[in-house]
Amino acid sequence: MKKYQMIIPAAALSISLLAGNIYAATTGGSSADSTKTYYDQDKEHVDITLDQVPRDSFDEQAYRELAEEMRTLMQEEGQEKKLLQDYDALEESVSHLSTDYSILTYDHYLDPSNEESESAYEKMESLETEITDDFSALLRDLLTSDYGDAITEKMGEDTAELYRDYSELTDRQKELTEEMQEVVRTYDNQAVQEPETQAAHDTWVLSQKKLYCRLLGLEAEMAETLDADDYYSSLCEEDYNRDYSSKDSETLAEEVRTYLPSLMQFYLTEVCDTDALSEVYASENLKAEEEVAMLQPCLEQISGELAEAFDYMEKNHLYDMNTNERKMAVGFTSTLEDYGSAYIFDCPEGYLADFKTLVHEFGHYAHAYGTEEGTFGGVANMDVCEIHSQGLELLCYPFYTEIMGDEELGEGMRAYVVYNMFYAIELAFCVDEFERTAMKDPDMTVKELDALADSLGQAYGVEESFGADNWFYISHIYEQPGYYIAYGTSALAALEIFRISQEDYDKACDIYMQLSASSARIPYCQALENVGLDSPFEKDGVKKLCQELEDNWLTESAAA
């Protein structure tokens, strides 16, 4: 998902290049084995364009009749064969629900002020919550029935474990969920109606901030119903499937504040061409089709399977990256489960820098295209999912000049991607601390939240992007609370892949493709261990990474 528009400090743009084009050796190096297979070769991909996807594939009555039949059959003897057949039908029905929800989400972000599409989206949000709760309870009952062994064999032990102890939502939890969804819809609708006059704008800003205060109260009440210390804790354990604690993230944040700023300064003064860096904002954006076509040559250098995923996306026009004043200013990728597919959504800002968003989102898209998670697969780990996107941005580093067709623009894009990655880490841990603090004290006023934002923005060096004047623009804290730290943890892993690519590009591509082809249900630290990457949570992990990157750049500079 798109994060923010990076603001480059004005001072950075006046610094002259000292080290020259020190990455020339990598640019001219060999590419990865484009013939190696990583993705699920049995997965089917249906040819269907984005505008052909229906919005009404899910049949609620048929689902409810099927669920009732299964509840009856599990009480009877000799019904294993029929139950397993019904299980397949249940999986197909829920897949329809997921796909409808995905495409209605596209409609929502395309124009939150459209009453017809918003009505459909609102109904789907409520229905999706209700049906998900229902089929989760149904699967639990099946697994604990006399047919539990057969159902476990059908879905696999890892998936079965997710449902055996499922607890249905209480009536109050359902009400709270709907109230939180309504707050978010209001926020989204107001986000595309930002006034131009100062007085009206001040009122609009206050309204958006008050919505967050309202959301904090609802989240706190939800945490109480879950017997959680606070809502942030419940998110880490349940919604994001994380294998690190809030305390771990606090320690990592301190390391980021200690070691990353010096590496950023070194990069700006000794490595990157800051004049070229400014060009990515000075140059106008391309048309969506032209922008998409620019990406293919780079993907072929990394993996033939990425190129295959690209060809399918381009053939079926599974992207919307056109400028539209009614669109929300976000970028994201969403799966279309019925078709073994996904789509990319973006509202470009009008600069060449928008190309980075396409690369970012295609990393998500390729994972969705190439892996089969299963309809009942459980919770994805977003810390891992964001490695798919940010890792690809950095693996394309050697090819940005070829992609841009211009030496200066290519140099600017390389500088932009790397510096943006550093900035993303600082901003991610800043936003995360803001959320953690607010959720632990959900009675905070707008004034107190503003003061907190100002304090943290300055502490992390991101005050131009996060402070009293702009914290509410980060839609994640409304729509996906607790998500934002994933941009920081994943960027650290992506930089580790980048460091490896400076020494052995083929090895880095292999590690990246292993991650891209692996289940997103694997927690972050475990996923890194599986592919041989160091965890930033290890003692002095950030310090080590920063030193190794600086040493590599110094070595390349000496050889240039």
Protein backbone atom coordinates (compact mmCIF):
# COMPACT_ATOMS: atom_id res chain seq x y z
CA MET A 1 0.00 0.00 0.00
CA LYS A 2 1.20 3.49 -0.82
CA LYS A 3 2.57 5.28 2.19
CA TYR A 4 2.98 9.00 1.75
CA GLN A 5 4.70 11.59 -0.38
CA MET A 6 8.28 11.80 0.84
CA ILE A 7 9.39 15.34 1.56
CA ILE A 8 13.08 15.82 0.86
CA PRO A 9 14.65 18.41 3.18
CA ALA A 10 15.52 21.54 1.25
CA ALA A 11 19.11 21.37 2.46
CA ALA A 12 19.54 17.97 0.88
CA LEU A 13 18.84 19.31 -2.59
CA SER A 14 21.72 21.75 -2.45
CA ILE A 15 24.40 19.17 -1.62
CA SER A 16 26.77 18.32 -4.49
CA LEU A 17 27.63 14.80 -5.56
CA LEU A 18 31.01 13.67 -4.19
CA ALA A 19 31.16 9.96 -4.92
CA GLY A 20 29.95 9.87 -8.53
CA ASN A 21 27.93 7.04 -10.05
CA ILE A 22 29.33 4.38 -7.77
CA TYR A 23 26.82 1.68 -8.65
CA ALA A 24 28.04 1.22 -12.22
CA ALA A 25 29.53 -2.20 -11.45
CA THR A 26 26.17 -3.57 -10.39
CA THR A 27 24.37 -1.94 -13.30
CA GLY A 28 26.58 -3.83 -15.70
CA GLY A 29 26.50 -7.07 -13.73
CA SER A 30 24.69 -10.32 -14.43
CA SER A 31 21.01 -10.84 -13.76
CA ALA A 32 19.35 -13.59 -11.77
CA ASP A 33 18.37 -16.98 -13.24
CA SER A 34 15.16 -16.00 -15.03
CA THR A 35 14.19 -19.64 -15.61
CA LYS A 36 14.02 -20.80 -11.99
CA THR A 37 10.56 -21.72 -10.70
CA TYR A 38 9.23 -20.30 -7.42
CA TYR A 39 5.48 -19.72 -7.79
CA ASP A 40 2.64 -22.24 -7.60
CA GLN A 41 2.58 -23.81 -11.06
CA ASP A 42 -0.89 -25.32 -10.54
CA LYS A 43 -2.62 -22.05 -9.78
CA GLU A 44 -5.18 -21.03 -12.40
CA HIS A 45 -5.47 -17.45 -13.66
CA VAL A 46 -8.69 -16.46 -15.39
CA ASP A 47 -8.52 -13.84 -18.14
CA ILE A 48 -10.84 -11.08 -16.97
CA THR A 49 -10.34 -7.33 -17.05
CA LEU A 50 -10.97 -5.07 -14.09
CA ASP A 51 -14.10 -3.56 -15.63
CA GLN A 52 -15.54 -7.04 -16.28
CA VAL A 53 -15.43 -8.24 -12.66
CA PRO A 54 -19.01 -8.62 -11.32
CA ARG A 55 -20.12 -7.18 -7.99
CA ASP A 56 -22.74 -9.80 -7.13
CA SER A 57 -21.09 -13.22 -7.28
CA PHE A 58 -21.91 -14.03 -3.66
CA ASP A 59 -25.35 -15.59 -3.08
CA GLU A 60 -26.23 -14.95 0.57
CA GLN A 61 -29.28 -17.22 0.61
CA ALA A 62 -27.37 -20.11 -0.97
CA TYR A 63 -24.59 -19.65 1.58
CA ARG A 64 -26.97 -19.73 4.52
CA GLU A 65 -28.75 -22.83 3.22
CA LEU A 66 -25.41 -24.56 2.72
CA ALA A 67 -24.18 -23.63 6.20
CA GLU A 68 -27.41 -24.89 7.77
CA GLU A 69 -27.13 -28.17 5.86
CA MET A 70 -23.58 -28.67 7.09
CA ARG A 71 -24.60 -28.00 10.68
CA THR A 72 -27.26 -30.68 10.35
CA LEU A 73 -25.03 -33.23 8.60
CA MET A 74 -22.28 -33.02 11.23
CA GLN A 75 -24.79 -34.31 13.80
CA GLU A 76 -25.52 -37.43 11.73
CA GLU A 77 -23.50 -40.57 11.07
CA GLY A 78 -22.15 -41.57 7.66
CA GLN A 79 -22.10 -38.06 6.17
CA GLU A 80 -18.37 -37.62 5.59
CA LYS A 81 -18.52 -37.70 1.79
CA LYS A 82 -21.37 -35.17 1.65
CA LEU A 83 -19.73 -32.89 4.21
CA LEU A 84 -16.50 -32.83 2.22
CA GLN A 85 -18.46 -31.94 -0.90
CA ASP A 86 -20.23 -29.19 1.02
CA TYR A 87 -16.85 -27.97 2.31
CA ASP A 88 -15.76 -27.37 -1.29
CA ALA A 89 -18.99 -25.50 -1.96
CA LEU A 90 -18.50 -23.43 1.20
CA GLU A 91 -14.99 -22.50 0.13
CA GLU A 92 -16.26 -21.42 -3.29
CA SER A 93 -19.04 -19.34 -1.72
CA VAL A 94 -16.63 -17.54 0.61
CA SER A 95 -14.30 -16.94 -2.33
CA HIS A 96 -17.18 -15.16 -4.09
CA LEU A 97 -17.72 -13.05 -0.97
CA SER A 98 -14.03 -12.10 -0.86
CA THR A 99 -13.99 -11.15 -4.54
CA ASP A 100 -17.14 -9.05 -4.29
CA TYR A 101 -15.72 -7.25 -1.28
CA SER A 102 -12.47 -6.58 -3.14
CA ILE A 103 -14.10 -5.06 -6.21
CA LEU A 104 -16.54 -3.00 -4.14
CA THR A 105 -13.52 -1.69 -2.23
CA TYR A 106 -12.16 -0.54 -5.58
CA ASP A 107 -15.45 1.31 -6.23
CA HIS A 108 -15.25 2.91 -2.80
CA TYR A 109 -11.75 4.33 -3.28
CA LEU A 110 -12.56 5.36 -6.83
CA ASP A 111 -15.18 7.79 -5.53
CA PRO A 112 -16.18 7.75 -1.84
CA SER A 113 -18.80 10.42 -2.55
CA ASN A 114 -20.77 8.23 -5.01
CA GLU A 115 -23.95 7.38 -3.12
CA GLU A 116 -24.79 4.25 -5.11
CA SER A 117 -21.39 2.59 -4.82
CA GLU A 118 -21.03 3.69 -1.20
CA SER A 119 -24.34 2.10 -0.30
CA ALA A 120 -23.21 -1.17 -1.87
CA TYR A 121 -19.86 -0.95 -0.11
CA GLU A 122 -21.44 -0.24 3.27
CA LYS A 123 -23.75 -3.24 2.92
CA MET A 124 -20.85 -5.45 1.88
CA GLU A 125 -18.72 -4.37 4.85
CA SER A 126 -21.50 -5.37 7.22
CA LEU A 127 -22.23 -8.60 5.37
CA GLU A 128 -18.57 -9.59 5.18
CA THR A 129 -18.20 -9.17 8.95
CA GLU A 130 -21.31 -11.25 9.60
CA ILE A 131 -20.51 -14.07 7.17
CA THR A 132 -16.87 -14.29 8.22
CA ASP A 133 -17.96 -14.70 11.83
CA ASP A 134 -20.51 -17.33 10.79
CA PHE A 135 -18.28 -19.52 8.62
CA SER A 136 -15.45 -19.30 11.19
CA ALA A 137 -17.79 -20.67 13.85
CA LEU A 138 -19.02 -23.32 11.40
CA LEU A 139 -15.47 -24.48 10.69
CA ARG A 140 -14.76 -24.63 14.43
CA ASP A 141 -17.82 -26.82 14.97
CA LEU A 142 -16.84 -29.09 12.08
CA LEU A 143 -13.33 -29.48 13.43
CA THR A 144 -14.58 -30.42 16.90
CA SER A 145 -17.24 -32.81 15.58
CA ASP A 146 -16.89 -36.53 14.82
CA TYR A 147 -15.78 -35.47 11.33
CA GLY A 148 -12.94 -33.34 12.67
CA ASP A 149 -10.16 -35.58 11.37
CA ALA A 150 -11.58 -35.61 7.84
CA ILE A 151 -12.02 -31.82 7.81
CA THR A 152 -8.51 -31.33 9.20
CA GLU A 153 -7.07 -33.51 6.44
CA LYS A 154 -9.05 -31.51 3.90
CA MET A 155 -7.91 -28.05 5.01
CA GLY A 156 -4.52 -28.90 6.49
CA GLU A 157 -3.39 -28.81 10.10
CA ASP A 158 -2.04 -25.25 9.99
CA THR A 159 -5.37 -23.88 8.77
CA ALA A 160 -7.38 -26.07 11.13
CA GLU A 161 -5.44 -24.71 14.07
CA LEU A 162 -6.68 -21.22 13.23
CA TYR A 163 -10.32 -22.18 13.76
CA ARG A 164 -10.47 -24.78 16.54
CA ASP A 165 -10.70 -22.18 19.30
CA TYR A 166 -12.65 -19.53 17.40
CA SER A 167 -15.08 -17.43 19.46
CA GLU A 168 -18.00 -15.74 17.74
CA LEU A 169 -18.34 -11.99 17.90
CA THR A 170 -20.65 -10.79 20.64
CA ASP A 171 -23.52 -8.49 19.75
CA ARG A 172 -21.57 -5.55 21.17
CA GLN A 173 -18.46 -6.46 19.17
CA LYS A 174 -20.56 -6.52 16.01
CA GLU A 175 -21.98 -3.11 16.88
CA LEU A 176 -18.51 -1.72 17.59
CA THR A 177 -17.21 -3.09 14.30
CA GLU A 178 -19.99 -1.38 12.38
CA GLU A 179 -19.47 1.88 14.26
CA MET A 180 -15.74 1.82 13.48
CA GLN A 181 -16.48 1.11 9.82
CA GLU A 182 -18.84 4.06 9.73
CA VAL A 183 -16.18 6.37 11.17
CA VAL A 184 -13.72 5.22 8.50
CA ARG A 185 -16.24 5.70 5.69
CA THR A 186 -16.91 9.22 6.93
CA TYR A 187 -13.19 9.93 7.04
CA ASP A 188 -12.75 8.61 3.48
CA ASN A 189 -15.68 10.62 2.16
CA GLN A 190 -14.39 13.82 3.74
CA ALA A 191 -10.85 13.12 2.53
CA VAL A 192 -11.82 13.77 -1.09
CA GLN A 193 -13.68 16.97 -0.20
CA GLU A 194 -10.84 19.02 1.27
CA PRO A 195 -11.87 22.72 1.14
CA GLU A 196 -9.64 25.42 -0.33
CA THR A 197 -10.66 28.42 1.76
CA GLN A 198 -8.79 28.74 5.05
CA ALA A 199 -11.80 28.90 7.38
CA ALA A 200 -13.51 25.93 5.77
CA HIS A 201 -10.24 24.03 5.71
CA ASP A 202 -9.66 24.58 9.42
CA THR A 203 -13.13 23.19 10.15
CA TRP A 204 -12.45 20.21 7.88
CA VAL A 205 -9.15 19.45 9.62
CA LEU A 206 -10.75 19.56 13.04
CA SER A 207 -13.51 17.23 11.87
CA GLN A 208 -11.00 14.67 10.58
CA LYS A 209 -9.06 14.83 13.84
CA LYS A 210 -12.22 14.41 15.94
CA LEU A 211 -13.05 11.31 13.93
CA TYR A 212 -9.79 9.81 15.13
CA CYS A 213 -10.68 10.65 18.73
CA ARG A 214 -14.00 8.91 18.19
CA LEU A 215 -12.21 5.91 16.72
CA LEU A 216 -9.85 5.68 19.69
CA GLY A 217 -12.82 5.44 22.02
CA LEU A 218 -14.42 2.65 20.00
CA GLU A 219 -11.13 0.78 19.77
CA ALA A 220 -10.66 1.02 23.54
CA GLU A 221 -14.11 -0.44 24.13
CA MET A 222 -13.37 -3.23 21.65
CA ALA A 223 -10.13 -4.00 23.52
CA GLU A 224 -12.13 -4.33 26.74
CA THR A 225 -14.42 -6.91 25.13
CA LEU A 226 -11.33 -8.85 24.06
CA ASP A 227 -9.76 -8.69 27.54
CA ALA A 228 -6.73 -6.99 25.97
CA ASP A 229 -4.56 -4.43 27.71
CA ASP A 230 -5.19 -2.05 24.82
CA TYR A 231 -6.31 -2.21 21.21
CA TYR A 232 -2.75 -2.12 19.87
CA SER A 233 -1.87 -5.31 21.75
CA SER A 234 -4.87 -7.16 20.34
CA LEU A 235 -3.97 -6.03 16.81
CA CYS A 236 -0.41 -7.37 17.04
CA GLU A 237 -1.51 -10.72 18.39
CA GLU A 238 -4.66 -11.34 16.36
CA ASP A 239 -4.97 -9.09 13.30
CA TYR A 240 -1.36 -8.98 12.13
CA ASN A 241 0.04 -12.35 13.26
CA ARG A 242 3.27 -10.81 14.54
CA ASP A 243 6.05 -12.75 16.24
CA TYR A 244 7.53 -9.73 17.96
CA SER A 245 6.15 -7.77 20.88
CA SER A 246 5.35 -4.12 21.44
CA LYS A 247 8.43 -4.00 23.68
CA ASP A 248 10.53 -5.39 20.83
CA SER A 249 9.29 -2.66 18.49
CA GLU A 250 10.11 0.03 21.07
CA THR A 251 13.68 -1.27 21.33
CA LEU A 252 13.99 -1.39 17.54
CA ALA A 253 12.66 2.16 17.26
CA GLU A 254 15.41 3.36 19.58
CA GLU A 255 18.03 1.71 17.37
CA VAL A 256 16.50 3.36 14.31
CA ARG A 257 16.67 6.79 15.96
CA THR A 258 20.27 6.15 16.99
CA TYR A 259 21.88 4.75 13.83
CA LEU A 260 19.79 5.56 10.77
CA PRO A 261 20.18 9.38 10.65
CA SER A 262 23.96 9.16 10.18
CA LEU A 263 23.53 6.67 7.32
CA MET A 264 20.97 8.96 5.68
CA GLN A 265 23.36 11.89 5.95
CA PHE A 266 26.22 9.82 4.54
CA TYR A 267 24.06 8.78 1.61
CA LEU A 268 23.03 12.36 0.84
CA THR A 269 26.52 13.81 1.09
CA GLU A 270 28.69 11.00 -0.27
CA VAL A 271 26.58 8.83 -2.56
CA CYS A 272 23.49 10.28 -4.18
CA ASP A 273 23.21 12.92 -6.89
CA THR A 274 20.87 15.37 -5.21
CA ASP A 275 20.46 17.45 -8.36
CA ALA A 276 19.17 14.35 -10.13
CA LEU A 277 17.05 13.55 -7.07
CA SER A 278 15.07 16.75 -7.54
CA GLU A 279 14.29 15.74 -11.14
CA VAL A 280 11.84 13.02 -10.08
CA TYR A 281 9.56 15.79 -8.83
CA ALA A 282 10.33 18.26 -11.61
CA SER A 283 9.43 15.79 -14.37
CA GLU A 284 5.82 15.18 -15.30
CA ASN A 285 4.23 11.79 -14.86
CA LEU A 286 3.53 9.49 -17.80
CA LYS A 287 0.23 7.98 -18.85
CA ALA A 288 -0.63 4.81 -16.96
CA GLU A 289 -0.09 2.51 -19.94
CA GLU A 290 3.31 4.04 -20.68
CA GLU A 291 4.33 3.79 -17.05
CA VAL A 292 3.33 0.12 -16.88
CA ALA A 293 5.25 -0.73 -20.06
CA MET A 294 8.43 0.76 -18.57
CA LEU A 295 8.48 -1.85 -15.79
CA GLN A 296 8.71 -5.07 -17.84
CA PRO A 297 12.43 -5.05 -18.79
CA CYS A 298 13.49 -4.79 -15.16
CA LEU A 299 11.25 -7.69 -14.09
CA GLU A 300 12.73 -9.97 -16.74
CA GLN A 301 16.16 -9.36 -15.22
CA ILE A 302 14.99 -10.49 -11.77
CA SER A 303 12.77 -13.48 -12.58
CA GLY A 304 10.90 -14.85 -15.55
CA GLU A 305 7.96 -15.47 -13.24
CA LEU A 306 7.72 -11.76 -12.41
CA ALA A 307 7.63 -11.07 -16.15
CA GLU A 308 4.89 -13.70 -16.53
CA ALA A 309 2.83 -12.05 -13.79
CA PHE A 310 3.35 -8.70 -15.49
CA ASP A 311 2.19 -10.01 -18.87
CA TYR A 312 -1.04 -11.31 -17.33
CA MET A 313 -1.66 -8.00 -15.52
CA GLU A 314 -1.02 -5.94 -18.63
CA LYS A 315 -3.09 -8.21 -20.89
CA ASN A 316 -6.11 -7.95 -18.59
CA HIS A 317 -5.54 -4.29 -17.66
CA LEU A 318 -5.66 -5.11 -13.95
CA TYR A 319 -4.64 -1.67 -12.79
CA ASP A 320 -6.15 1.79 -12.35
CA MET A 321 -3.46 4.43 -12.12
CA ASN A 322 -5.23 7.33 -13.79
CA THR A 323 -5.56 10.72 -12.15
CA ASN A 324 -9.07 11.49 -10.94
CA GLU A 325 -10.03 14.21 -8.48
CA ARG A 326 -12.68 11.96 -6.94
CA LYS A 327 -10.23 9.14 -6.17
CA MET A 328 -8.75 8.84 -2.71
CA ALA A 329 -5.04 9.65 -2.64
CA VAL A 330 -3.93 6.11 -1.83
CA GLY A 331 -2.31 3.18 -3.57
CA PHE A 332 -2.99 -0.47 -2.83
CA THR A 333 -3.24 -3.96 -4.30
CA SER A 334 -6.21 -6.23 -3.69
CA THR A 335 -6.74 -9.88 -4.59
CA LEU A 336 -9.53 -11.16 -6.83
CA GLU A 337 -9.70 -14.66 -5.41
CA ASP A 338 -12.24 -16.08 -7.85
CA TYR A 339 -9.89 -15.44 -10.73
CA GLY A 340 -6.48 -16.23 -9.23
CA SER A 341 -5.73 -12.58 -9.74
CA ALA A 342 -5.38 -9.12 -8.21
CA TYR A 343 -5.49 -5.47 -9.23
CA ILE A 344 -3.43 -2.35 -8.54
CA PHE A 345 -5.05 0.94 -7.56
CA ASP A 346 -3.23 4.26 -7.40
CA CYS A 347 -4.04 7.95 -7.51
CA PRO A 348 -0.83 9.43 -8.95
CA GLU A 349 0.54 12.75 -7.72
CA GLY A 350 1.67 13.86 -11.17
CA TYR A 351 5.43 13.31 -10.92
CA LEU A 352 7.84 10.79 -12.34
CA ALA A 353 8.26 9.71 -8.73
CA ASP A 354 4.89 7.96 -9.10
CA PHE A 355 6.73 5.17 -10.92
CA LYS A 356 8.08 4.00 -7.57
CA THR A 357 4.52 3.37 -6.43
CA LEU A 358 3.92 1.12 -9.44
CA VAL A 359 7.04 -0.91 -8.61
CA HIS A 360 5.96 -1.08 -4.97
CA GLU A 361 2.44 -2.26 -5.74
CA PHE A 362 3.60 -4.72 -8.37
CA GLY A 363 5.60 -6.46 -5.64
CA HIS A 364 2.30 -7.07 -3.84
CA TYR A 365 0.60 -8.01 -7.09
CA ALA A 366 3.21 -10.63 -8.04
CA HIS A 367 2.86 -12.35 -4.66
CA ALA A 368 -0.93 -12.46 -5.03
CA TYR A 369 -0.56 -13.78 -8.57
CA GLY A 370 1.96 -16.48 -7.77
CA THR A 371 0.83 -17.94 -4.46
CA GLU A 372 -2.22 -19.93 -3.39
CA GLU A 373 -3.02 -18.98 0.20
CA GLY A 374 -6.42 -20.67 0.32
CA THR A 375 -9.79 -19.13 1.09
CA PHE A 376 -9.61 -20.10 4.77
CA GLY A 377 -5.88 -19.41 5.07
CA GLY A 378 -6.00 -16.97 7.97
CA VAL A 379 -4.24 -13.69 8.68
CA ALA A 380 -1.47 -12.35 6.44
CA ASN A 381 1.60 -10.86 8.09
CA MET A 382 1.92 -7.35 6.67
CA ASP A 383 5.53 -7.01 7.83
CA VAL A 384 6.32 -9.78 5.33
CA CYS A 385 3.95 -8.53 2.62
CA GLU A 386 5.68 -5.16 2.55
CA ILE A 387 9.03 -6.85 1.86
CA HIS A 388 7.46 -8.04 -1.40
CA SER A 389 6.89 -4.41 -2.38
CA GLN A 390 9.88 -2.58 -0.92
CA GLY A 391 12.31 -5.35 -1.79
CA LEU A 392 11.32 -5.05 -5.45
CA GLU A 393 11.89 -1.29 -5.41
CA LEU A 394 15.50 -1.89 -4.39
CA LEU A 395 16.11 -4.85 -6.71
CA CYS A 396 15.17 -2.59 -9.62
CA TYR A 397 17.92 -0.18 -8.52
CA PRO A 398 20.49 -1.19 -11.17
CA PHE A 399 17.97 -0.77 -13.98
CA TYR A 400 16.41 2.63 -13.29
CA THR A 401 18.53 4.36 -15.93
CA GLU A 402 17.44 1.82 -18.53
CA ILE A 403 13.83 2.15 -17.37
CA MET A 404 13.87 5.95 -17.48
CA GLY A 405 15.83 6.11 -20.72
CA ASP A 406 17.85 8.99 -19.30
CA GLU A 407 21.01 8.95 -17.17
CA GLU A 408 20.03 11.85 -14.94
CA LEU A 409 16.47 10.64 -14.39
CA GLY A 410 17.74 7.14 -13.71
CA GLU A 411 20.22 8.48 -11.16
CA GLY A 412 17.44 10.54 -9.62
CA MET A 413 15.12 7.55 -9.35
CA ARG A 414 17.85 5.45 -7.71
CA ALA A 415 18.50 8.19 -5.19
CA TYR A 416 14.80 8.69 -4.60
CA VAL A 417 14.12 5.00 -3.96
CA VAL A 418 16.99 4.55 -1.49
CA TYR A 419 16.50 7.80 0.39
CA ASN A 420 12.75 7.20 0.47
CA MET A 421 13.42 3.77 2.02
CA PHE A 422 15.41 5.38 4.83
CA TYR A 423 12.71 7.98 5.33
CA ALA A 424 10.02 5.28 5.33
CA ILE A 425 11.69 3.56 8.25
CA GLU A 426 11.84 6.71 10.36
CA LEU A 427 8.27 7.67 9.53
CA ALA A 428 6.99 4.13 10.18
CA PHE A 429 8.38 3.97 13.70
CA CYS A 430 7.20 7.54 14.35
CA VAL A 431 3.62 6.73 13.33
CA ASP A 432 3.75 3.46 15.25
CA GLU A 433 4.77 5.22 18.47
CA PHE A 434 1.99 7.74 17.90
CA GLU A 435 -0.56 4.94 17.58
CA ARG A 436 0.76 2.96 20.53
CA THR A 437 0.66 6.05 22.74
CA ALA A 438 -2.82 7.09 21.61
CA MET A 439 -4.31 3.61 22.03
CA LYS A 440 -2.92 3.35 25.54
CA ASP A 441 -4.54 6.71 26.38
CA PRO A 442 -7.70 6.72 24.21
CA ASP A 443 -9.13 9.80 25.96
CA MET A 444 -6.52 12.06 24.38
CA THR A 445 -7.92 15.32 23.02
CA VAL A 446 -7.19 16.80 19.61
CA LYS A 447 -4.82 19.26 21.26
CA GLU A 448 -2.96 16.46 23.01
CA LEU A 449 -2.73 14.42 19.80
CA ASP A 450 -1.36 17.44 17.96
CA ALA A 451 1.29 17.94 20.62
CA LEU A 452 2.21 14.26 20.49
CA ALA A 453 2.53 14.35 16.70
CA ASP A 454 4.76 17.43 16.83
CA SER A 455 6.99 15.89 19.48
CA LEU A 456 7.40 12.56 17.69
CA GLY A 457 7.86 14.12 14.26
CA GLN A 458 10.78 16.13 15.58
CA ALA A 459 12.24 13.18 17.52
CA TYR A 460 12.32 11.00 14.41
CA GLY A 461 13.35 13.78 12.02
CA VAL A 462 10.16 13.56 9.93
CA GLU A 463 8.46 16.76 11.11
CA GLU A 464 7.79 17.83 7.52
CA SER A 465 5.61 14.74 7.04
CA PHE A 466 4.24 14.17 10.55
CA GLY A 467 3.10 16.82 12.96
CA ALA A 468 0.02 18.70 14.13
CA ASP A 469 -0.64 19.97 10.60
CA ASN A 470 -0.63 16.64 8.81
CA TRP A 471 -0.81 13.50 11.00
CA PHE A 472 -4.47 12.99 10.09
CA TYR A 473 -3.59 12.64 6.38
CA ILE A 474 -2.13 9.18 7.08
CA SER A 475 -5.22 7.13 6.33
CA HIS A 476 -3.74 3.93 7.77
CA ILE A 477 -4.26 5.07 11.36
CA TYR A 478 -7.98 5.22 10.63
CA GLU A 479 -8.42 2.36 8.18
CA GLN A 480 -5.74 -0.11 9.31
CA PRO A 481 -4.61 0.80 12.83
CA GLY A 482 -1.35 -0.82 13.86
CA TYR A 483 -0.33 -1.51 10.25
CA TYR A 484 2.15 1.29 9.72
CA ILE A 485 5.13 -0.22 11.54
CA ALA A 486 5.18 -2.87 8.81
CA TYR A 487 6.67 -0.27 6.46
CA GLY A 488 9.62 0.06 8.83
CA THR A 489 10.28 -3.60 9.62
CA SER A 490 9.90 -4.59 5.97
CA ALA A 491 12.14 -1.75 4.77
CA LEU A 492 14.90 -2.95 7.08
CA ALA A 493 14.59 -6.44 5.57
CA ALA A 494 14.48 -4.94 2.06
CA LEU A 495 17.69 -3.03 2.78
CA GLU A 496 19.31 -6.28 3.87
CA ILE A 497 18.35 -7.78 0.48
CA PHE A 498 19.72 -4.63 -1.16
CA ARG A 499 22.99 -4.99 0.74
CA ILE A 500 23.30 -8.58 -0.49
CA SER A 501 22.54 -7.45 -4.05
CA GLN A 502 25.54 -5.12 -3.95
CA GLU A 503 27.73 -8.18 -3.48
CA ASP A 504 25.76 -10.96 -5.21
CA TYR A 505 22.76 -9.85 -7.25
CA ASP A 506 21.65 -13.39 -8.15
CA LYS A 507 21.58 -14.40 -4.50
CA ALA A 508 19.52 -11.34 -3.57
CA CYS A 509 16.99 -12.08 -6.32
CA ASP A 510 16.74 -15.69 -5.16
CA ILE A 511 16.06 -14.62 -1.58
CA TYR A 512 13.46 -12.11 -2.74
CA MET A 513 11.66 -14.65 -4.93
CA GLN A 514 11.63 -17.20 -2.11
CA LEU A 515 9.87 -14.63 0.07
CA SER A 516 7.51 -13.60 -2.73
CA ALA A 517 6.51 -17.23 -3.30
CA SER A 518 6.13 -18.12 0.38
CA SER A 519 2.93 -17.92 2.37
CA ALA A 520 2.22 -14.48 3.79
CA ARG A 521 0.84 -16.28 6.86
CA ILE A 522 4.39 -16.96 8.09
CA PRO A 523 5.31 -14.43 10.81
CA TYR A 524 8.03 -11.88 10.09
CA CYS A 525 10.99 -13.18 12.09
CA GLN A 526 10.30 -16.76 11.00
CA ALA A 527 10.03 -15.71 7.35
CA LEU A 528 13.42 -13.98 7.51
CA GLU A 529 15.03 -17.01 9.16
CA ASN A 530 13.56 -19.29 6.48
CA VAL A 531 15.46 -17.46 3.71
CA GLY A 532 18.64 -16.77 5.68
CA LEU A 533 18.14 -13.06 6.35
CA ASP A 534 19.25 -11.44 9.60
CA SER A 535 16.48 -10.10 11.79
CA PRO A 536 16.66 -6.41 12.71
CA PHE A 537 15.38 -7.41 16.14
CA GLU A 538 18.68 -9.13 16.88
CA LYS A 539 20.99 -7.16 19.17
CA ASP A 540 22.59 -4.28 17.23
CA GLY A 541 20.82 -5.46 14.08
CA VAL A 542 20.18 -1.94 12.77
CA LYS A 543 23.69 -0.79 13.69
CA LYS A 544 25.19 -3.72 11.77
CA LEU A 545 23.03 -3.14 8.69
CA CYS A 546 23.83 0.57 8.55
CA GLN A 547 27.56 -0.05 8.89
CA GLU A 548 27.56 -2.73 6.18
CA LEU A 549 25.68 -0.50 3.73
CA GLU A 550 28.07 2.38 4.36
CA ASP A 551 31.08 0.08 3.93
CA ASN A 552 29.71 -1.25 0.63
CA TRP A 553 29.20 2.26 -0.71
CA LEU A 554 32.70 3.27 0.34
CA THR A 555 34.15 0.18 -1.37
CA GLU A 556 32.23 0.89 -4.58
CA SER A 557 33.32 4.53 -4.47
CA ALA A 558 36.98 3.57 -4.14
CA ALA A 559 36.67 1.20 -7.10
CA ALA A 560 34.87 3.73 -9.33
